[in-house]
Amino acid sequence: ATLGRMPGASTWAALETAAGRLARDMESQHVVNLLYAYTIISIVQHTEYPSCYTAVWDQVSSLKLRDFSRETLLMLYHVHLMHSLSGSNGPATVQYPAWLMVEARNEWIREVRDDSTVSIGHGELASVFD
């Protein structure tokens, strides 16, 4: 992408295979970064989620809430929202950890309500949860 073009199919396949293999050993920050990147690419490029997408979410589910910083928790819930509300591209069926729908959700809502710099769209989305 920094070369001004997207990688070819064989490069994508190699990256997906490596990411799926390495996801098991990734720390929470790396897992969230990977999910965010894949979600953005899928939405913006209108492509299917990569074959390793579910495996990366499985790694999230294997971690505990305490493994995530506040920032990564907020980012992870945002990824969940993007995935859920974008009209999922492709066959990625994801099993979310229970704590994502409670603690992470509540933290995300609190952040959106308390931070005066968030976008109008974030605020409107947070109001849906009232």
C-alpha atoms as a PDB file:
ATOM      1  CA  ALA A   1       0.000   0.000   0.000  1.00  0.00           C
ATOM      2  CA  THR A   2       2.880   2.399   0.607  1.00  0.00           C
ATOM      3  CA  LEU A   3       4.053   1.653  -2.910  1.00  0.00           C
ATOM      4  CA  GLY A   4       0.887   3.151  -4.330  1.00  0.00           C
ATOM      5  CA  ARG A   5      -0.760  -0.149  -5.154  1.00  0.00           C
ATOM      6  CA  MET A   6      -2.344  -3.043  -3.343  1.00  0.00           C
ATOM      7  CA  PRO A   7      -0.437  -6.329  -3.075  1.00  0.00           C
ATOM      8  CA  GLY A   8      -1.222  -9.019  -5.613  1.00  0.00           C
ATOM      9  CA  ALA A   9      -3.269 -12.123  -4.850  1.00  0.00           C
ATOM     10  CA  SER A  10      -0.291 -14.336  -4.004  1.00  0.00           C
ATOM     11  CA  THR A  11       1.116 -11.716  -1.628  1.00  0.00           C
ATOM     12  CA  TRP A  12      -2.271 -11.332   0.094  1.00  0.00           C
ATOM     13  CA  ALA A  13      -2.544 -15.104   0.451  1.00  0.00           C
ATOM     14  CA  ALA A  14       0.918 -15.300   2.033  1.00  0.00           C
ATOM     15  CA  LEU A  15       0.103 -12.434   4.408  1.00  0.00           C
ATOM     16  CA  GLU A  16      -3.204 -14.014   5.441  1.00  0.00           C
ATOM     17  CA  THR A  17      -1.555 -17.372   6.070  1.00  0.00           C
ATOM     18  CA  ALA A  18       1.180 -15.784   8.169  1.00  0.00           C
ATOM     19  CA  ALA A  19      -1.290 -13.652  10.127  1.00  0.00           C
ATOM     20  CA  GLY A  20      -3.499 -16.651  10.883  1.00  0.00           C
ATOM     21  CA  ARG A  21      -0.507 -18.673  12.016  1.00  0.00           C
ATOM     22  CA  LEU A  22       0.964 -15.875  14.155  1.00  0.00           C
ATOM     23  CA  ALA A  23      -2.330 -14.693  15.667  1.00  0.00           C
ATOM     24  CA  ARG A  24      -2.157 -17.371  18.365  1.00  0.00           C
ATOM     25  CA  ASP A  25       0.928 -15.738  19.835  1.00  0.00           C
ATOM     26  CA  MET A  26       0.051 -12.085  19.336  1.00  0.00           C
ATOM     27  CA  GLU A  27      -0.310  -9.654  22.195  1.00  0.00           C
ATOM     28  CA  SER A  28      -3.601  -7.832  22.536  1.00  0.00           C
ATOM     29  CA  GLN A  29      -2.367  -4.585  20.932  1.00  0.00           C
ATOM     30  CA  HIS A  30      -1.140  -6.432  17.828  1.00  0.00           C
ATOM     31  CA  VAL A  31      -4.337  -8.436  17.524  1.00  0.00           C
ATOM     32  CA  VAL A  32      -6.461  -5.290  17.698  1.00  0.00           C
ATOM     33  CA  ASN A  33      -4.255  -3.480  15.174  1.00  0.00           C
ATOM     34  CA  LEU A  34      -4.568  -6.404  12.776  1.00  0.00           C
ATOM     35  CA  LEU A  35      -8.345  -6.582  13.141  1.00  0.00           C
ATOM     36  CA  TYR A  36      -8.657  -2.831  12.649  1.00  0.00           C
ATOM     37  CA  ALA A  37      -6.532  -2.923   9.510  1.00  0.00           C
ATOM     38  CA  TYR A  38      -8.375  -5.886   7.998  1.00  0.00           C
ATOM     39  CA  THR A  39     -11.765  -4.351   8.806  1.00  0.00           C
ATOM     40  CA  ILE A  40     -10.884  -0.987   7.268  1.00  0.00           C
ATOM     41  CA  ILE A  41      -9.447  -2.622   4.142  1.00  0.00           C
ATOM     42  CA  SER A  42     -12.494  -4.827   3.751  1.00  0.00           C
ATOM     43  CA  ILE A  43     -14.912  -1.914   4.102  1.00  0.00           C
ATOM     44  CA  VAL A  44     -13.011   0.638   2.022  1.00  0.00           C
ATOM     45  CA  GLN A  45     -11.957  -1.751  -0.726  1.00  0.00           C
ATOM     46  CA  HIS A  46     -15.285  -3.654  -0.704  1.00  0.00           C
ATOM     47  CA  THR A  47     -13.447  -6.946  -0.384  1.00  0.00           C
ATOM     48  CA  GLU A  48     -14.142 -10.079   1.603  1.00  0.00           C
ATOM     49  CA  TYR A  49     -12.612 -10.410   5.022  1.00  0.00           C
ATOM     50  CA  PRO A  50      -9.416 -12.450   4.844  1.00  0.00           C
ATOM     51  CA  SER A  51      -9.463 -16.146   5.628  1.00  0.00           C
ATOM     52  CA  CYS A  52      -7.596 -15.522   8.900  1.00  0.00           C
ATOM     53  CA  TYR A  53     -10.100 -12.920  10.199  1.00  0.00           C
ATOM     54  CA  THR A  54     -12.033 -15.432  12.304  1.00  0.00           C
ATOM     55  CA  ALA A  55      -8.792 -16.896  13.700  1.00  0.00           C
ATOM     56  CA  VAL A  56      -7.697 -13.429  14.810  1.00  0.00           C
ATOM     57  CA  TRP A  57     -11.041 -12.903  16.580  1.00  0.00           C
ATOM     58  CA  ASP A  58     -10.566 -16.337  18.172  1.00  0.00           C
ATOM     59  CA  GLN A  59      -7.303 -15.037  19.618  1.00  0.00           C
ATOM     60  CA  VAL A  60      -9.188 -12.048  21.048  1.00  0.00           C
ATOM     61  CA  SER A  61     -11.663 -14.454  22.636  1.00  0.00           C
ATOM     62  CA  SER A  62      -8.837 -16.443  24.200  1.00  0.00           C
ATOM     63  CA  LEU A  63      -7.568 -13.330  25.966  1.00  0.00           C
ATOM     64  CA  LYS A  64      -8.990 -11.851  29.136  1.00  0.00           C
ATOM     65  CA  LEU A  65     -10.365  -8.363  29.586  1.00  0.00           C
ATOM     66  CA  ARG A  66      -7.369  -7.478  31.757  1.00  0.00           C
ATOM     67  CA  ASP A  67      -5.048  -8.181  28.785  1.00  0.00           C
ATOM     68  CA  PHE A  68      -6.297  -5.049  27.015  1.00  0.00           C
ATOM     69  CA  SER A  69      -5.430  -1.455  27.758  1.00  0.00           C
ATOM     70  CA  ARG A  70      -8.289   1.026  27.802  1.00  0.00           C
ATOM     71  CA  GLU A  71      -7.239   2.299  24.373  1.00  0.00           C
ATOM     72  CA  THR A  72      -7.128  -1.151  22.792  1.00  0.00           C
ATOM     73  CA  LEU A  73     -10.477  -1.990  24.371  1.00  0.00           C
ATOM     74  CA  LEU A  74     -12.029   1.115  22.797  1.00  0.00           C
ATOM     75  CA  MET A  75     -10.455   0.297  19.449  1.00  0.00           C
ATOM     76  CA  LEU A  76     -11.616  -3.315  19.622  1.00  0.00           C
ATOM     77  CA  TYR A  77     -15.204  -2.321  20.272  1.00  0.00           C
ATOM     78  CA  HIS A  78     -14.977   0.136  17.388  1.00  0.00           C
ATOM     79  CA  VAL A  79     -13.786  -2.733  15.155  1.00  0.00           C
ATOM     80  CA  HIS A  80     -16.772  -4.757  16.311  1.00  0.00           C
ATOM     81  CA  LEU A  81     -19.098  -1.885  15.375  1.00  0.00           C
ATOM     82  CA  MET A  82     -17.506  -1.449  11.961  1.00  0.00           C
ATOM     83  CA  HIS A  83     -17.747  -5.173  11.266  1.00  0.00           C
ATOM     84  CA  SER A  84     -21.328  -5.427  12.503  1.00  0.00           C
ATOM     85  CA  LEU A  85     -22.728  -2.283  10.905  1.00  0.00           C
ATOM     86  CA  SER A  86     -20.956  -2.364   7.570  1.00  0.00           C
ATOM     87  CA  GLY A  87     -22.914  -5.249   6.139  1.00  0.00           C
ATOM     88  CA  SER A  88     -20.212  -7.864   6.568  1.00  0.00           C
ATOM     89  CA  ASN A  89     -18.140  -8.465   3.447  1.00  0.00           C
ATOM     90  CA  GLY A  90     -17.758 -12.154   2.989  1.00  0.00           C
ATOM     91  CA  PRO A  91     -18.079 -15.269   5.074  1.00  0.00           C
ATOM     92  CA  ALA A  92     -16.430 -14.028   8.290  1.00  0.00           C
ATOM     93  CA  THR A  93     -18.627 -15.310  11.112  1.00  0.00           C
ATOM     94  CA  VAL A  94     -17.150 -14.056  14.337  1.00  0.00           C
ATOM     95  CA  GLN A  95     -17.666 -15.234  17.896  1.00  0.00           C
ATOM     96  CA  TYR A  96     -17.218 -12.193  20.142  1.00  0.00           C
ATOM     97  CA  PRO A  97     -16.081 -12.599  23.750  1.00  0.00           C
ATOM     98  CA  ALA A  98     -18.823 -11.848  26.307  1.00  0.00           C
ATOM     99  CA  TRP A  99     -16.817  -9.044  27.913  1.00  0.00           C
ATOM    100  CA  LEU A 100     -16.729  -7.175  24.588  1.00  0.00           C
ATOM    101  CA  MET A 101     -20.470  -6.648  24.683  1.00  0.00           C
ATOM    102  CA  VAL A 102     -20.465  -5.421  28.291  1.00  0.00           C
ATOM    103  CA  GLU A 103     -17.260  -3.853  29.586  1.00  0.00           C
ATOM    104  CA  ALA A 104     -15.834  -2.784  26.209  1.00  0.00           C
ATOM    105  CA  ARG A 105     -19.192  -1.452  25.048  1.00  0.00           C
ATOM    106  CA  ASN A 106     -19.704   0.529  28.255  1.00  0.00           C
ATOM    107  CA  GLU A 107     -16.186   1.959  28.057  1.00  0.00           C
ATOM    108  CA  TRP A 108     -16.704   2.962  24.424  1.00  0.00           C
ATOM    109  CA  ILE A 109     -19.995   4.700  25.239  1.00  0.00           C
ATOM    110  CA  ARG A 110     -18.400   6.494  28.199  1.00  0.00           C
ATOM    111  CA  GLU A 111     -15.540   7.683  25.993  1.00  0.00           C
ATOM    112  CA  VAL A 112     -17.849   8.979  23.289  1.00  0.00           C
ATOM    113  CA  ARG A 113     -20.032  10.816  25.790  1.00  0.00           C
ATOM    114  CA  ASP A 114     -17.158  12.300  27.815  1.00  0.00           C
ATOM    115  CA  ASP A 115     -14.806  13.299  24.998  1.00  0.00           C
ATOM    116  CA  SER A 116     -15.788  16.595  23.410  1.00  0.00           C
ATOM    117  CA  THR A 117     -13.577  15.910  20.378  1.00  0.00           C
ATOM    118  CA  VAL A 118     -15.472  12.865  19.067  1.00  0.00           C
ATOM    119  CA  SER A 119     -17.310  13.138  15.789  1.00  0.00           C
ATOM    120  CA  ILE A 120     -21.027  13.812  15.514  1.00  0.00           C
ATOM    121  CA  GLY A 121     -21.406  10.338  14.028  1.00  0.00           C
ATOM    122  CA  HIS A 122     -19.836   8.712  17.078  1.00  0.00           C
ATOM    123  CA  GLY A 123     -22.142  10.688  19.337  1.00  0.00           C
ATOM    124  CA  GLU A 124     -25.216   9.702  17.342  1.00  0.00           C
ATOM    125  CA  LEU A 125     -24.164   6.076  17.376  1.00  0.00           C
ATOM    126  CA  ALA A 126     -23.616   6.157  21.144  1.00  0.00           C
ATOM    127  CA  SER A 127     -27.100   7.648  21.623  1.00  0.00           C
ATOM    128  CA  VAL A 128     -28.584   4.524  20.038  1.00  0.00           C
ATOM    129  CA  PHE A 129     -27.421   2.575  23.086  1.00  0.00           C
ATOM    130  CA  ASP A 130     -29.538   4.681  25.491  1.00  0.00           C
END
